[in-house]
PDB file of N, CA and C in Angstrom:
ATOM      1  N   MET A   1     -13.477 -15.543  -5.901  1.00  0.00           N
ATOM      2  CA  MET A   1     -12.881 -16.297  -4.786  1.00  0.00           C
ATOM      3  C   MET A   1     -11.828 -15.672  -4.372  1.00  0.00           C
ATOM      4  N   LYS A   2     -10.517 -16.342  -5.363  1.00  0.00           N
ATOM      5  CA  LYS A   2      -9.074 -16.191  -5.338  1.00  0.00           C
ATOM      6  C   LYS A   2      -8.355 -14.645  -4.879  1.00  0.00           C
ATOM      7  N   SER A   3      -9.551 -13.819  -5.340  1.00  0.00           N
ATOM      8  CA  SER A   3      -9.348 -12.486  -5.252  1.00  0.00           C
ATOM      9  C   SER A   3      -9.575 -12.087  -3.761  1.00  0.00           C
ATOM     10  N   VAL A   4     -10.469 -12.419  -3.764  1.00  0.00           N
ATOM     11  CA  VAL A   4     -11.575 -12.514  -2.255  1.00  0.00           C
ATOM     12  C   VAL A   4      -9.756 -12.661  -1.093  1.00  0.00           C
ATOM     13  N   SER A   5      -9.789 -14.439  -1.271  1.00  0.00           N
ATOM     14  CA  SER A   5      -8.643 -15.000  -0.310  1.00  0.00           C
ATOM     15  C   SER A   5      -7.407 -13.515  -0.071  1.00  0.00           C
ATOM     16  N   LEU A   6      -6.899 -13.693  -1.395  1.00  0.00           N
ATOM     17  CA  LEU A   6      -5.794 -12.697  -1.603  1.00  0.00           C
ATOM     18  C   LEU A   6      -6.083 -11.323  -1.048  1.00  0.00           C
ATOM     19  N   LYS A   7      -6.714 -10.619  -1.139  1.00  0.00           N
ATOM     20  CA  LYS A   7      -6.934  -9.493  -0.133  1.00  0.00           C
ATOM     21  C   LYS A   7      -7.139  -9.909   1.288  1.00  0.00           C
ATOM     22  N   CYS A   8      -7.577 -10.503   1.392  1.00  0.00           N
ATOM     23  CA  CYS A   8      -7.954 -11.289   3.083  1.00  0.00           C
ATOM     24  C   CYS A   8      -6.233 -11.620   3.376  1.00  0.00           C
ATOM     25  N   ALA A   9      -5.847 -11.960   2.976  1.00  0.00           N
ATOM     26  CA  ALA A   9      -3.875 -12.217   3.183  1.00  0.00           C
ATOM     27  C   ALA A   9      -3.181 -11.046   2.787  1.00  0.00           C
ATOM     28  N   LEU A  10      -3.640 -10.321   2.538  1.00  0.00           N
ATOM     29  CA  LEU A  10      -3.118  -8.953   2.255  1.00  0.00           C
ATOM     30  C   LEU A  10      -3.076  -7.982   3.343  1.00  0.00           C
ATOM     31  N   ALA A  11      -4.217  -8.044   3.216  1.00  0.00           N
ATOM     32  CA  ALA A  11      -4.701  -7.220   5.129  1.00  0.00           C
ATOM     33  C   ALA A  11      -4.446  -7.783   5.523  1.00  0.00           C
ATOM     34  N   ALA A  12      -4.315  -8.807   5.987  1.00  0.00           N
ATOM     35  CA  ALA A  12      -3.611  -9.877   7.284  1.00  0.00           C
ATOM     36  C   ALA A  12      -2.131  -9.138   7.409  1.00  0.00           C
ATOM     37  N   ALA A  13      -1.374  -9.149   6.608  1.00  0.00           N
ATOM     38  CA  ALA A  13       0.270  -8.680   6.273  1.00  0.00           C
ATOM     39  C   ALA A  13       0.437  -7.329   6.845  1.00  0.00           C
ATOM     40  N   ALA A  14      -0.816  -6.246   6.135  1.00  0.00           N
ATOM     41  CA  ALA A  14      -0.242  -4.399   6.195  1.00  0.00           C
ATOM     42  C   ALA A  14      -0.977  -4.689   8.020  1.00  0.00           C
ATOM     43  N   LEU A  15      -1.821  -5.330   8.403  1.00  0.00           N
ATOM     44  CA  LEU A  15      -2.479  -5.243   9.700  1.00  0.00           C
ATOM     45  C   LEU A  15      -1.035  -5.744  10.762  1.00  0.00           C
ATOM     46  N   ALA A  16      -0.519  -6.666  10.484  1.00  0.00           N
ATOM     47  CA  ALA A  16       0.867  -7.655  11.042  1.00  0.00           C
ATOM     48  C   ALA A  16       1.928  -6.535  11.298  1.00  0.00           C
ATOM     49  N   VAL A  17       2.092  -5.687   9.929  1.00  0.00           N
ATOM     50  CA  VAL A  17       3.026  -5.071   9.437  1.00  0.00           C
ATOM     51  C   VAL A  17       3.099  -3.545  10.769  1.00  0.00           C
ATOM     52  N   ALA A  18       1.537  -3.446  10.860  1.00  0.00           N
ATOM     53  CA  ALA A  18       0.886  -1.652  11.135  1.00  0.00           C
ATOM     54  C   ALA A  18       1.659  -2.097  12.577  1.00  0.00           C
ATOM     55  N   GLY A  19       0.685  -3.812  13.090  1.00  0.00           N
ATOM     56  CA  GLY A  19       0.956  -3.981  14.495  1.00  0.00           C
ATOM     57  C   GLY A  19       2.439  -4.100  15.550  1.00  0.00           C
ATOM     58  N   ALA A  20       3.000  -4.813  14.505  1.00  0.00           N
ATOM     59  CA  ALA A  20       4.506  -4.552  14.330  1.00  0.00           C
ATOM     60  C   ALA A  20       5.452  -3.442  14.963  1.00  0.00           C
ATOM     61  N   ALA A  21       4.662  -2.355  14.298  1.00  0.00           N
ATOM     62  CA  ALA A  21       5.822  -1.127  14.274  1.00  0.00           C
ATOM     63  C   ALA A  21       4.828  -0.200  15.153  1.00  0.00           C
ATOM     64  N   GLU A  22       3.440  -0.351  15.526  1.00  0.00           N
ATOM     65  CA  GLU A  22       3.269  -0.193  17.126  1.00  0.00           C
ATOM     66  C   GLU A  22       3.811  -0.829  18.304  1.00  0.00           C
ATOM     67  N   ALA A  23       4.070  -1.648  18.509  1.00  0.00           N
ATOM     68  CA  ALA A  23       4.584  -2.792  19.187  1.00  0.00           C
ATOM     69  C   ALA A  23       5.731  -1.745  19.938  1.00  0.00           C
ATOM     70  N   GLY A  24       6.838  -1.451  19.010  1.00  0.00           N
ATOM     71  CA  GLY A  24       8.029  -1.015  19.360  1.00  0.00           C
ATOM     72  C   GLY A  24       9.249  -0.599  17.887  1.00  0.00           C
ATOM     73  N   PRO A  25      10.077   0.424  18.024  1.00  0.00           N
ATOM     74  CA  PRO A  25      10.981   0.362  17.017  1.00  0.00           C
ATOM     75  C   PRO A  25      10.902  -0.462  15.743  1.00  0.00           C
ATOM     76  N   ALA A  26      10.488  -0.041  14.690  1.00  0.00           N
ATOM     77  CA  ALA A  26      11.379  -1.359  13.896  1.00  0.00           C
ATOM     78  C   ALA A  26      11.463  -0.554  12.851  1.00  0.00           C
ATOM     79  N   ASP A  27      13.287  -1.290  12.116  1.00  0.00           N
ATOM     80  CA  ASP A  27      14.448  -0.822  11.379  1.00  0.00           C
ATOM     81  C   ASP A  27      13.807  -1.159  10.176  1.00  0.00           C
ATOM     82  N   THR A  28      13.427  -2.816   9.551  1.00  0.00           N
ATOM     83  CA  THR A  28      12.744  -3.317   9.135  1.00  0.00           C
ATOM     84  C   THR A  28      11.443  -3.744   8.640  1.00  0.00           C
ATOM     85  N   VAL A  29      10.713  -3.420   7.449  1.00  0.00           N
ATOM     86  CA  VAL A  29       9.162  -4.744   7.040  1.00  0.00           C
ATOM     87  C   VAL A  29       9.706  -5.927   6.319  1.00  0.00           C
ATOM     88  N   ASP A  30       8.858  -6.611   7.103  1.00  0.00           N
ATOM     89  CA  ASP A  30       9.277  -8.061   6.505  1.00  0.00           C
ATOM     90  C   ASP A  30       7.990  -7.847   5.085  1.00  0.00           C
ATOM     91  N   VAL A  31       8.597  -7.824   4.022  1.00  0.00           N
ATOM     92  CA  VAL A  31       7.543  -8.481   2.574  1.00  0.00           C
ATOM     93  C   VAL A  31       8.352  -9.221   1.869  1.00  0.00           C
ATOM     94  N   ASP A  32       7.334 -10.085   1.523  1.00  0.00           N
ATOM     95  CA  ASP A  32       7.998 -11.616   0.635  1.00  0.00           C
ATOM     96  C   ASP A  32       8.381 -10.654  -0.214  1.00  0.00           C
ATOM     97  N   PRO A  33       9.469 -11.171  -1.630  1.00  0.00           N
ATOM     98  CA  PRO A  33      10.044 -10.251  -2.346  1.00  0.00           C
ATOM     99  C   PRO A  33       9.515 -10.381  -3.682  1.00  0.00           C
ATOM    100  N   TYR A  34       9.211 -12.080  -3.492  1.00  0.00           N
ATOM    101  CA  TYR A  34       8.247 -12.383  -4.628  1.00  0.00           C
ATOM    102  C   TYR A  34       6.748 -11.829  -5.348  1.00  0.00           C
ATOM    103  N   GLN A  35       5.975 -11.077  -4.146  1.00  0.00           N
ATOM    104  CA  GLN A  35       5.256 -10.081  -3.999  1.00  0.00           C
ATOM    105  C   GLN A  35       4.993  -8.969  -4.147  1.00  0.00           C
ATOM    106  N   ALA A  36       5.138  -8.240  -5.126  1.00  0.00           N
ATOM    107  CA  ALA A  36       5.504  -6.951  -5.643  1.00  0.00           C
ATOM    108  C   ALA A  36       3.873  -5.919  -5.621  1.00  0.00           C
ATOM    109  N   LEU A  37       4.320  -5.270  -4.549  1.00  0.00           N
ATOM    110  CA  LEU A  37       2.918  -4.501  -4.220  1.00  0.00           C
ATOM    111  C   LEU A  37       2.704  -2.948  -4.405  1.00  0.00           C
ATOM    112  N   TYR A  38       1.868  -2.701  -4.950  1.00  0.00           N
ATOM    113  CA  TYR A  38       1.366  -1.637  -5.787  1.00  0.00           C
ATOM    114  C   TYR A  38       0.310  -0.324  -5.444  1.00  0.00           C
ATOM    115  N   VAL A  39      -0.090   0.618  -5.604  1.00  0.00           N
ATOM    116  CA  VAL A  39      -0.600   1.922  -4.661  1.00  0.00           C
ATOM    117  C   VAL A  39      -1.692   2.642  -5.905  1.00  0.00           C
ATOM    118  N   ARG A  40      -2.898   2.720  -5.546  1.00  0.00           N
ATOM    119  CA  ARG A  40      -3.255   2.971  -6.545  1.00  0.00           C
ATOM    120  C   ARG A  40      -3.958   4.259  -6.246  1.00  0.00           C
ATOM    121  N   THR A  41      -3.369   5.481  -7.083  1.00  0.00           N
ATOM    122  CA  THR A  41      -3.574   6.458  -6.412  1.00  0.00           C
ATOM    123  C   THR A  41      -4.875   7.745  -7.212  1.00  0.00           C
ATOM    124  N   ASP A  42      -5.630   6.718  -8.554  1.00  0.00           N
ATOM    125  CA  ASP A  42      -6.425   7.685  -9.039  1.00  0.00           C
ATOM    126  C   ASP A  42      -7.411   7.422  -7.923  1.00  0.00           C
ATOM    127  N   GLY A  43      -8.327   9.200  -8.384  1.00  0.00           N
ATOM    128  CA  GLY A  43      -9.224   9.246  -7.182  1.00  0.00           C
ATOM    129  C   GLY A  43      -8.950   9.675  -6.074  1.00  0.00           C
ATOM    130  N   LEU A  44      -7.940   9.876  -5.350  1.00  0.00           N
ATOM    131  CA  LEU A  44      -7.614  11.052  -4.715  1.00  0.00           C
ATOM    132  C   LEU A  44      -7.548  12.604  -5.287  1.00  0.00           C
ATOM    133  N   PRO A  45      -7.237  13.239  -4.463  1.00  0.00           N
ATOM    134  CA  PRO A  45      -6.751  14.708  -4.894  1.00  0.00           C
ATOM    135  C   PRO A  45      -5.732  14.803  -5.417  1.00  0.00           C
ATOM    136  N   THR A  46      -4.732  15.298  -6.243  1.00  0.00           N
ATOM    137  CA  THR A  46      -4.007  15.553  -7.003  1.00  0.00           C
ATOM    138  C   THR A  46      -2.250  15.910  -5.946  1.00  0.00           C
ATOM    139  N   ALA A  47      -2.639  16.488  -5.312  1.00  0.00           N
ATOM    140  CA  ALA A  47      -1.143  16.680  -3.589  1.00  0.00           C
ATOM    141  C   ALA A  47      -1.171  15.719  -3.298  1.00  0.00           C
ATOM    142  N   VAL A  48      -1.950  14.668  -2.165  1.00  0.00           N
ATOM    143  CA  VAL A  48      -2.534  14.058  -2.119  1.00  0.00           C
ATOM    144  C   VAL A  48      -1.980  12.506  -2.974  1.00  0.00           C
ATOM    145  N   ALA A  49      -1.879  11.925  -3.939  1.00  0.00           N
ATOM    146  CA  ALA A  49      -1.917  11.067  -4.833  1.00  0.00           C
ATOM    147  C   ALA A  49      -0.414  11.355  -4.703  1.00  0.00           C
ATOM    148  N   LYS A  50       0.184  12.535  -5.235  1.00  0.00           N
ATOM    149  CA  LYS A  50       1.938  12.663  -5.197  1.00  0.00           C
ATOM    150  C   LYS A  50       2.477  12.478  -4.083  1.00  0.00           C
ATOM    151  N   ARG A  51       2.074  12.345  -2.665  1.00  0.00           N
ATOM    152  CA  ARG A  51       2.621  12.850  -1.508  1.00  0.00           C
ATOM    153  C   ARG A  51       3.123  10.872  -1.464  1.00  0.00           C
ATOM    154  N   VAL A  52       1.559  10.429  -1.420  1.00  0.00           N
ATOM    155  CA  VAL A  52       1.483   9.160  -1.447  1.00  0.00           C
ATOM    156  C   VAL A  52       2.458   8.031  -2.336  1.00  0.00           C
ATOM    157  N   GLU A  53       2.676   8.716  -3.811  1.00  0.00           N
ATOM    158  CA  GLU A  53       3.370   8.170  -4.745  1.00  0.00           C
ATOM    159  C   GLU A  53       4.925   7.834  -4.108  1.00  0.00           C
ATOM    160  N   GLU A  54       4.775   9.343  -3.666  1.00  0.00           N
ATOM    161  CA  GLU A  54       6.807   9.454  -3.120  1.00  0.00           C
ATOM    162  C   GLU A  54       7.201   8.651  -1.768  1.00  0.00           C
ATOM    163  N   GLU A  55       5.941   8.566  -1.250  1.00  0.00           N
ATOM    164  CA  GLU A  55       6.550   7.497   0.051  1.00  0.00           C
ATOM    165  C   GLU A  55       5.883   6.056  -0.600  1.00  0.00           C
ATOM    166  N   ALA A  56       5.466   5.636  -1.839  1.00  0.00           N
ATOM    167  CA  ALA A  56       5.902   4.659  -1.928  1.00  0.00           C
ATOM    168  C   ALA A  56       7.048   4.101  -2.751  1.00  0.00           C
ATOM    169  N   ARG A  57       7.437   5.505  -3.015  1.00  0.00           N
ATOM    170  CA  ARG A  57       8.471   5.037  -3.784  1.00  0.00           C
ATOM    171  C   ARG A  57      10.046   4.763  -2.853  1.00  0.00           C
ATOM    172  N   ASN A  58       9.767   5.258  -1.624  1.00  0.00           N
ATOM    173  CA  ASN A  58      10.881   5.274  -0.083  1.00  0.00           C
ATOM    174  C   ASN A  58      10.154   3.937   0.232  1.00  0.00           C
ATOM    175  N   GLY A  59       9.386   2.811  -0.155  1.00  0.00           N
ATOM    176  CA  GLY A  59       9.360   1.685   0.497  1.00  0.00           C
ATOM    177  C   GLY A  59       7.597   1.329   1.219  1.00  0.00           C
ATOM    178  N   LEU A  60       7.512  -0.018   1.472  1.00  0.00           N
ATOM    179  CA  LEU A  60       6.073   0.361   2.619  1.00  0.00           C
ATOM    180  C   LEU A  60       6.432   0.323   3.942  1.00  0.00           C
ATOM    181  N   GLN A  61       7.527   0.874   4.578  1.00  0.00           N
ATOM    182  CA  GLN A  61       7.401   1.240   6.078  1.00  0.00           C
ATOM    183  C   GLN A  61       7.151   2.829   6.143  1.00  0.00           C
ATOM    184  N   PRO A  62       7.410   3.284   4.853  1.00  0.00           N
ATOM    185  CA  PRO A  62       7.399   4.986   4.760  1.00  0.00           C
ATOM    186  C   PRO A  62       6.241   5.207   3.940  1.00  0.00           C
ATOM    187  N   LEU A  63       5.252   4.489   3.246  1.00  0.00           N
ATOM    188  CA  LEU A  63       3.939   5.129   3.026  1.00  0.00           C
ATOM    189  C   LEU A  63       2.766   4.228   3.946  1.00  0.00           C
ATOM    190  N   ARG A  64       3.402   3.199   4.890  1.00  0.00           N
ATOM    191  CA  ARG A  64       2.626   3.102   6.249  1.00  0.00           C
ATOM    192  C   ARG A  64       2.538   4.559   7.435  1.00  0.00           C
ATOM    193  N   GLN A  65       3.500   4.512   7.360  1.00  0.00           N
ATOM    194  CA  GLN A  65       3.534   5.599   8.288  1.00  0.00           C
ATOM    195  C   GLN A  65       3.362   7.288   7.994  1.00  0.00           C
ATOM    196  N   TYR A  66       2.790   7.549   5.997  1.00  0.00           N
ATOM    197  CA  TYR A  66       2.475   8.689   5.798  1.00  0.00           C
ATOM    198  C   TYR A  66       0.627   8.765   6.188  1.00  0.00           C
ATOM    199  N   VAL A  67       0.705   7.323   5.571  1.00  0.00           N
ATOM    200  CA  VAL A  67      -0.833   6.679   6.317  1.00  0.00           C
ATOM    201  C   VAL A  67      -1.382   7.052   7.228  1.00  0.00           C
ATOM    202  N   GLN A  68      -0.907   6.176   8.260  1.00  0.00           N
ATOM    203  CA  GLN A  68      -0.888   6.367  10.014  1.00  0.00           C
ATOM    204  C   GLN A  68      -1.394   7.849   9.546  1.00  0.00           C
ATOM    205  N   ARG A  69       0.227   8.701   9.606  1.00  0.00           N
ATOM    206  CA  ARG A  69      -0.187  10.007  10.612  1.00  0.00           C
ATOM    207  C   ARG A  69      -1.073  10.875   9.838  1.00  0.00           C
ATOM    208  N   THR A  70      -1.735  10.415   8.563  1.00  0.00           N
ATOM    209  CA  THR A  70      -2.317  11.463   8.013  1.00  0.00           C
ATOM    210  C   THR A  70      -4.113  10.972   7.857  1.00  0.00           C
ATOM    211  N   LYS A  71      -4.131   9.846   8.375  1.00  0.00           N
ATOM    212  CA  LYS A  71      -5.259   8.823   8.400  1.00  0.00           C
ATOM    213  C   LYS A  71      -6.857   9.866   8.471  1.00  0.00           C
ATOM    214  N   PHE A  72      -6.618  10.500   9.410  1.00  0.00           N
ATOM    215  CA  PHE A  72      -7.887  11.627   9.797  1.00  0.00           C
ATOM    216  C   PHE A  72      -7.738  12.583   9.047  1.00  0.00           C
ATOM    217  N   ILE A  73      -6.604  13.089   8.214  1.00  0.00           N
ATOM    218  CA  ILE A  73      -7.075  14.165   7.917  1.00  0.00           C
ATOM    219  C   ILE A  73      -7.515  14.098   6.044  1.00  0.00           C
ATOM    220  N   HIS A  74      -6.844  12.596   5.267  1.00  0.00           N
ATOM    221  CA  HIS A  74      -7.109  12.289   4.117  1.00  0.00           C
ATOM    222  C   HIS A  74      -8.359  11.286   3.736  1.00  0.00           C
ATOM    223  N   GLN A  75      -8.527  11.198   5.060  1.00  0.00           N
ATOM    224  CA  GLN A  75      -9.236   9.534   4.909  1.00  0.00           C
ATOM    225  C   GLN A  75      -8.606   8.004   4.144  1.00  0.00           C
ATOM    226  N   LEU A  76      -7.239   8.019   4.189  1.00  0.00           N
ATOM    227  CA  LEU A  76      -6.758   7.315   3.756  1.00  0.00           C
ATOM    228  C   LEU A  76      -6.615   5.748   4.242  1.00  0.00           C
ATOM    229  N   ASP A  77      -7.116   4.897   3.542  1.00  0.00           N
ATOM    230  CA  ASP A  77      -6.335   3.207   4.596  1.00  0.00           C
ATOM    231  C   ASP A  77      -5.613   2.213   3.864  1.00  0.00           C
ATOM    232  N   LEU A  78      -4.648   2.074   4.706  1.00  0.00           N
ATOM    233  CA  LEU A  78      -3.846   1.109   3.890  1.00  0.00           C
ATOM    234  C   LEU A  78      -3.772  -0.204   3.216  1.00  0.00           C
ATOM    235  N   ILE A  79      -4.921  -0.726   3.937  1.00  0.00           N
ATOM    236  CA  ILE A  79      -5.111  -2.019   2.976  1.00  0.00           C
ATOM    237  C   ILE A  79      -5.919  -1.455   1.381  1.00  0.00           C
ATOM    238  N   SER A  80      -6.800  -0.465   1.607  1.00  0.00           N
ATOM    239  CA  SER A  80      -7.579   0.562   0.267  1.00  0.00           C
ATOM    240  C   SER A  80      -6.482   0.742  -0.453  1.00  0.00           C
ATOM    241  N   LEU A  81      -5.414   1.288  -0.345  1.00  0.00           N
ATOM    242  CA  LEU A  81      -4.278   1.477  -1.241  1.00  0.00           C
ATOM    243  C   LEU A  81      -4.053   0.836  -2.182  1.00  0.00           C
ATOM    244  N   LEU A  82      -3.625  -0.671  -1.153  1.00  0.00           N
ATOM    245  CA  LEU A  82      -2.307  -1.367  -1.574  1.00  0.00           C
ATOM    246  C   LEU A  82      -3.110  -2.297  -2.666  1.00  0.00           C
ATOM    247  N   LEU A  83      -2.515  -3.026  -3.842  1.00  0.00           N
ATOM    248  CA  LEU A  83      -2.991  -3.939  -4.523  1.00  0.00           C
ATOM    249  C   LEU A  83      -1.702  -4.647  -4.928  1.00  0.00           C
ATOM    250  N   THR A  84      -2.114  -5.981  -4.929  1.00  0.00           N
ATOM    251  CA  THR A  84      -1.057  -7.102  -5.434  1.00  0.00           C
ATOM    252  C   THR A  84      -0.316  -6.788  -7.097  1.00  0.00           C
ATOM    253  N   ARG A  85       0.291  -7.985  -8.019  1.00  0.00           N
ATOM    254  CA  ARG A  85       0.737  -7.897  -8.775  1.00  0.00           C
ATOM    255  C   ARG A  85      -0.654  -8.379  -9.803  1.00  0.00           C
ATOM    256  N   GLU A  86      -1.239  -8.437  -9.577  1.00  0.00           N
ATOM    257  CA  GLU A  86      -2.426  -9.261 -10.249  1.00  0.00           C
ATOM    258  C   GLU A  86      -3.314  -7.553 -10.480  1.00  0.00           C
ATOM    259  N   GLN A  87      -3.890  -7.523  -9.047  1.00  0.00           N
ATOM    260  CA  GLN A  87      -4.900  -6.903  -9.649  1.00  0.00           C
ATOM    261  C   GLN A  87      -3.907  -5.326  -9.858  1.00  0.00           C
ATOM    262  N   ALA A  88      -2.928  -4.885  -9.553  1.00  0.00           N
ATOM    263  CA  ALA A  88      -2.507  -3.909 -10.373  1.00  0.00           C
ATOM    264  C   ALA A  88      -2.752  -3.723 -12.500  1.00  0.00           C
ATOM    265  N   ARG A  89      -2.230  -5.320 -12.809  1.00  0.00           N
ATOM    266  CA  ARG A  89      -2.027  -5.414 -13.824  1.00  0.00           C
ATOM    267  C   ARG A  89      -3.415  -5.157 -14.221  1.00  0.00           C
ATOM    268  N   LEU A  90      -4.562  -6.036 -13.951  1.00  0.00           N
ATOM    269  CA  LEU A  90      -5.912  -5.672 -14.330  1.00  0.00           C
ATOM    270  C   LEU A  90      -6.776  -4.475 -14.136  1.00  0.00           C
ATOM    271  N   ALA A  91      -6.364  -3.337 -13.135  1.00  0.00           N
ATOM    272  CA  ALA A  91      -6.662  -2.525 -13.190  1.00  0.00           C
ATOM    273  C   ALA A  91      -5.910  -1.265 -14.149  1.00  0.00           C
ATOM    274  N   MET A  92      -4.817  -1.570 -14.276  1.00  0.00           N
ATOM    275  CA  MET A  92      -4.493  -0.426 -15.440  1.00  0.00           C
ATOM    276  C   MET A  92      -4.888  -1.114 -16.872  1.00  0.00           C
ATOM    277  N   GLU A  93      -5.471  -2.158 -16.858  1.00  0.00           N
ATOM    278  CA  GLU A  93      -5.859  -2.404 -18.590  1.00  0.00           C
ATOM    279  C   GLU A  93      -7.325  -2.076 -18.738  1.00  0.00           C
ATOM    280  N   GLN A  94      -8.209  -2.532 -17.508  1.00  0.00           N
ATOM    281  CA  GLN A  94      -9.516  -2.606 -17.475  1.00  0.00           C
ATOM    282  C   GLN A  94     -10.082  -0.959 -17.457  1.00  0.00           C
ATOM    283  N   GLU A  95      -9.515  -0.043 -16.318  1.00  0.00           N
ATOM    284  CA  GLU A  95      -9.584   1.165 -15.825  1.00  0.00           C
ATOM    285  C   GLU A  95      -9.000   2.188 -15.817  1.00  0.00           C
ATOM    286  N   LYS A  96      -7.701   1.921 -16.543  1.00  0.00           N
ATOM    287  CA  LYS A  96      -6.395   3.215 -16.635  1.00  0.00           C
ATOM    288  C   LYS A  96      -6.272   3.398 -15.910  1.00  0.00           C
ATOM    289  N   ALA A  97      -5.858   2.842 -14.331  1.00  0.00           N
ATOM    290  CA  ALA A  97      -5.817   3.396 -13.034  1.00  0.00           C
ATOM    291  C   ALA A  97      -4.337   3.295 -12.907  1.00  0.00           C
ATOM    292  N   ARG A  98      -4.272   4.201 -12.341  1.00  0.00           N
ATOM    293  CA  ARG A  98      -2.897   5.579 -11.970  1.00  0.00           C
ATOM    294  C   ARG A  98      -1.991   4.373 -10.763  1.00  0.00           C
ATOM    295  N   VAL A  99      -1.015   3.653 -11.261  1.00  0.00           N
ATOM    296  CA  VAL A  99      -0.784   2.875  -9.972  1.00  0.00           C
ATOM    297  C   VAL A  99       0.526   2.692  -9.996  1.00  0.00           C
ATOM    298  N   VAL A 100       0.819   2.833  -9.151  1.00  0.00           N
ATOM    299  CA  VAL A 100       2.820   3.149  -8.724  1.00  0.00           C
ATOM    300  C   VAL A 100       3.010   2.005  -8.142  1.00  0.00           C
ATOM    301  N   LYS A 101       4.104   1.519  -8.182  1.00  0.00           N
ATOM    302  CA  LYS A 101       4.811   0.264  -7.480  1.00  0.00           C
ATOM    303  C   LYS A 101       5.332   0.454  -5.738  1.00  0.00           C
ATOM    304  N   VAL A 102       5.057  -0.181  -5.101  1.00  0.00           N
ATOM    305  CA  VAL A 102       5.633   0.181  -3.318  1.00  0.00           C
ATOM    306  C   VAL A 102       7.598  -0.101  -3.840  1.00  0.00           C
ATOM    307  N   ALA A 103       8.539   0.472  -3.439  1.00  0.00           N
ATOM    308  CA  ALA A 103       9.438  -0.322  -3.461  1.00  0.00           C
ATOM    309  C   ALA A 103      10.154  -1.130  -2.210  1.00  0.00           C
ATOM    310  N   SER A 104      11.159  -2.093  -2.807  1.00  0.00           N
ATOM    311  CA  SER A 104      10.941  -3.139  -1.336  1.00  0.00           C
ATOM    312  C   SER A 104      12.069  -2.953  -0.614  1.00  0.00           C
ATOM    313  N   ARG A 105      12.876  -2.526  -0.101  1.00  0.00           N
ATOM    314  CA  ARG A 105      13.817  -2.057   0.912  1.00  0.00           C
ATOM    315  C   ARG A 105      14.054  -2.891   2.145  1.00  0.00           C
TER     316      ARG A 105
END
């Protein structure tokens, strides 16, 4: 139950960021500095995974923009890519998943 509510909160935050970016130009993305975000790239084609990792290292806003630009080409969804710190730790321990931290800028 806790995981579901955490994902819902994460989804709401991602949608709020996406909606704010579409409403007008924004220079900053409001991210809680105490809640680290990660992206899971295993299961993606190698070239796409590499590009998603590069954009994640640049921050949440560049990652969101890349996913938005290529969502119809690569069938990416920001909400399904993002993980919380706890989810990333569990994925790495249980599934040996490829996880990259999203830079907070």
